[in-house]
Amino acid sequence: MISKFLSKLKSILFKSAVPPETPLKKEKKATKSAKTAKTKTKTKTKTVNSTKNIETLTTLPGVGAKSAKALYEAGFKTKKAVIAADEKDLLAVSGVGINLVKKLKKLK
């Protein structure tokens, strides 16, 4: 008996808590979802490009996945940028040691 009363009360409360939508609100929601779809596409493209660049950096001798990611995040986006970089700049990147810098400088 009490459970029936509580379920009836819940249904009444939850129905009144949600106001009916007007056509104007539906239009706003449609434009928001279109903007969200565009944003997701841009983010996905950036992720794919960064992944490709990081994979390209791993082709350098002595550069693994972790050091490639660290180099990419430090601003060295291409193999040419890493090879042309100053030794001090490369050593400032975490995960890059003197031995790796020596290997990279041999490529010049």
Protein backbone atom coordinates (compact mmCIF):
# COMPACT_ATOMS: atom_id res chain seq x y z
CA MET A 1 0.00 0.00 0.00
CA ILE A 2 2.74 2.44 0.99
CA SER A 3 4.90 1.40 -1.95
CA LYS A 4 2.04 2.13 -4.37
CA PHE A 5 1.61 5.53 -2.78
CA LEU A 6 5.35 6.29 -3.03
CA SER A 7 5.55 5.21 -6.66
CA LYS A 8 2.52 7.35 -7.49
CA LEU A 9 4.11 10.30 -5.67
CA LYS A 10 7.41 9.82 -7.53
CA SER A 11 5.66 9.73 -10.88
CA ILE A 12 3.82 12.95 -10.08
CA LEU A 13 6.95 14.72 -8.83
CA PHE A 14 9.15 13.70 -11.74
CA LYS A 15 6.56 14.61 -14.34
CA SER A 16 6.23 18.13 -12.98
CA ALA A 17 10.01 18.58 -12.57
CA VAL A 18 10.61 18.32 -16.34
CA PRO A 19 9.01 21.23 -18.18
CA PRO A 20 7.63 20.53 -21.63
CA GLU A 21 9.98 21.53 -24.45
CA THR A 22 9.07 24.30 -26.82
CA PRO A 23 10.13 24.24 -30.50
CA LEU A 24 12.65 27.02 -29.80
CA LYS A 25 14.49 24.88 -27.27
CA LYS A 26 14.65 22.00 -29.72
CA GLU A 27 16.31 24.25 -32.31
CA LYS A 28 18.94 25.35 -29.81
CA LYS A 29 19.72 21.75 -28.93
CA ALA A 30 20.14 20.87 -32.60
CA THR A 31 22.71 23.63 -33.14
CA LYS A 32 24.61 22.62 -30.02
CA SER A 33 24.89 19.04 -31.21
CA ALA A 34 26.14 20.20 -34.62
CA LYS A 35 28.84 22.29 -32.95
CA THR A 36 29.82 19.36 -30.76
CA ALA A 37 30.21 17.11 -33.80
CA LYS A 38 32.57 19.62 -35.45
CA THR A 39 34.67 19.88 -32.29
CA LYS A 40 35.00 16.10 -32.01
CA THR A 41 36.22 15.88 -35.61
CA LYS A 42 38.92 18.49 -35.03
CA THR A 43 40.09 16.78 -31.85
CA LYS A 44 40.22 13.42 -33.59
CA THR A 45 42.29 14.87 -36.44
CA LYS A 46 44.77 16.44 -34.02
CA THR A 47 45.14 13.16 -32.18
CA VAL A 48 45.80 11.26 -35.42
CA ASN A 49 48.37 13.84 -36.58
CA SER A 50 50.22 13.84 -33.26
CA THR A 51 50.26 10.04 -33.22
CA LYS A 52 51.73 9.96 -36.72
CA ASN A 53 54.37 12.51 -35.79
CA ILE A 54 55.33 10.59 -32.67
CA GLU A 55 55.60 7.38 -34.70
CA THR A 56 57.83 9.20 -37.18
CA LEU A 57 60.13 10.31 -34.36
CA THR A 58 60.55 6.70 -33.24
CA THR A 59 62.34 5.96 -36.52
CA LEU A 60 65.32 7.96 -35.27
CA PRO A 61 68.08 5.77 -33.82
CA GLY A 62 67.81 5.40 -30.04
CA VAL A 63 64.39 7.06 -29.82
CA GLY A 64 61.67 4.91 -28.34
CA ALA A 65 58.00 5.59 -27.76
CA LYS A 66 58.47 7.44 -24.46
CA SER A 67 61.30 9.67 -25.63
CA ALA A 68 59.48 10.35 -28.92
CA LYS A 69 56.41 11.49 -27.00
CA ALA A 70 58.56 13.65 -24.73
CA LEU A 71 60.31 15.23 -27.73
CA TYR A 72 56.97 15.89 -29.43
CA GLU A 73 55.52 17.51 -26.32
CA ALA A 74 58.66 19.64 -25.97
CA GLY A 75 58.02 21.10 -29.41
CA PHE A 76 60.15 18.92 -31.68
CA LYS A 77 57.43 17.86 -34.13
CA THR A 78 59.58 16.47 -36.98
CA LYS A 79 62.74 14.46 -37.42
CA LYS A 80 64.44 17.48 -39.00
CA ALA A 81 63.63 19.60 -35.95
CA VAL A 82 65.17 17.02 -33.63
CA ILE A 83 68.32 16.65 -35.74
CA ALA A 84 68.76 20.42 -36.12
CA ALA A 85 68.15 21.14 -32.43
CA ASP A 86 70.86 22.33 -30.09
CA GLU A 87 72.27 19.76 -27.66
CA LYS A 88 71.21 21.84 -24.65
CA ASP A 89 67.62 21.98 -25.89
CA LEU A 90 67.50 18.22 -26.37
CA LEU A 91 69.00 17.54 -22.95
CA ALA A 92 66.32 19.73 -21.38
CA VAL A 93 63.67 17.22 -22.48
CA SER A 94 62.93 14.62 -19.83
CA GLY A 95 63.80 11.12 -20.97
CA VAL A 96 66.57 12.29 -23.30
CA GLY A 97 70.11 11.61 -22.15
CA ILE A 98 73.58 12.39 -23.40
CA ASN A 99 73.89 9.07 -25.25
CA LEU A 100 70.75 9.73 -27.26
CA VAL A 101 71.94 13.24 -28.08
CA LYS A 102 75.25 11.81 -29.35
CA LYS A 103 73.40 9.35 -31.59
CA LEU A 104 71.21 12.12 -32.97
CA LYS A 105 74.17 14.44 -33.63
CA LYS A 106 75.84 11.71 -35.72
CA LEU A 107 72.94 12.01 -38.15
CA LYS A 108 73.91 15.57 -39.19
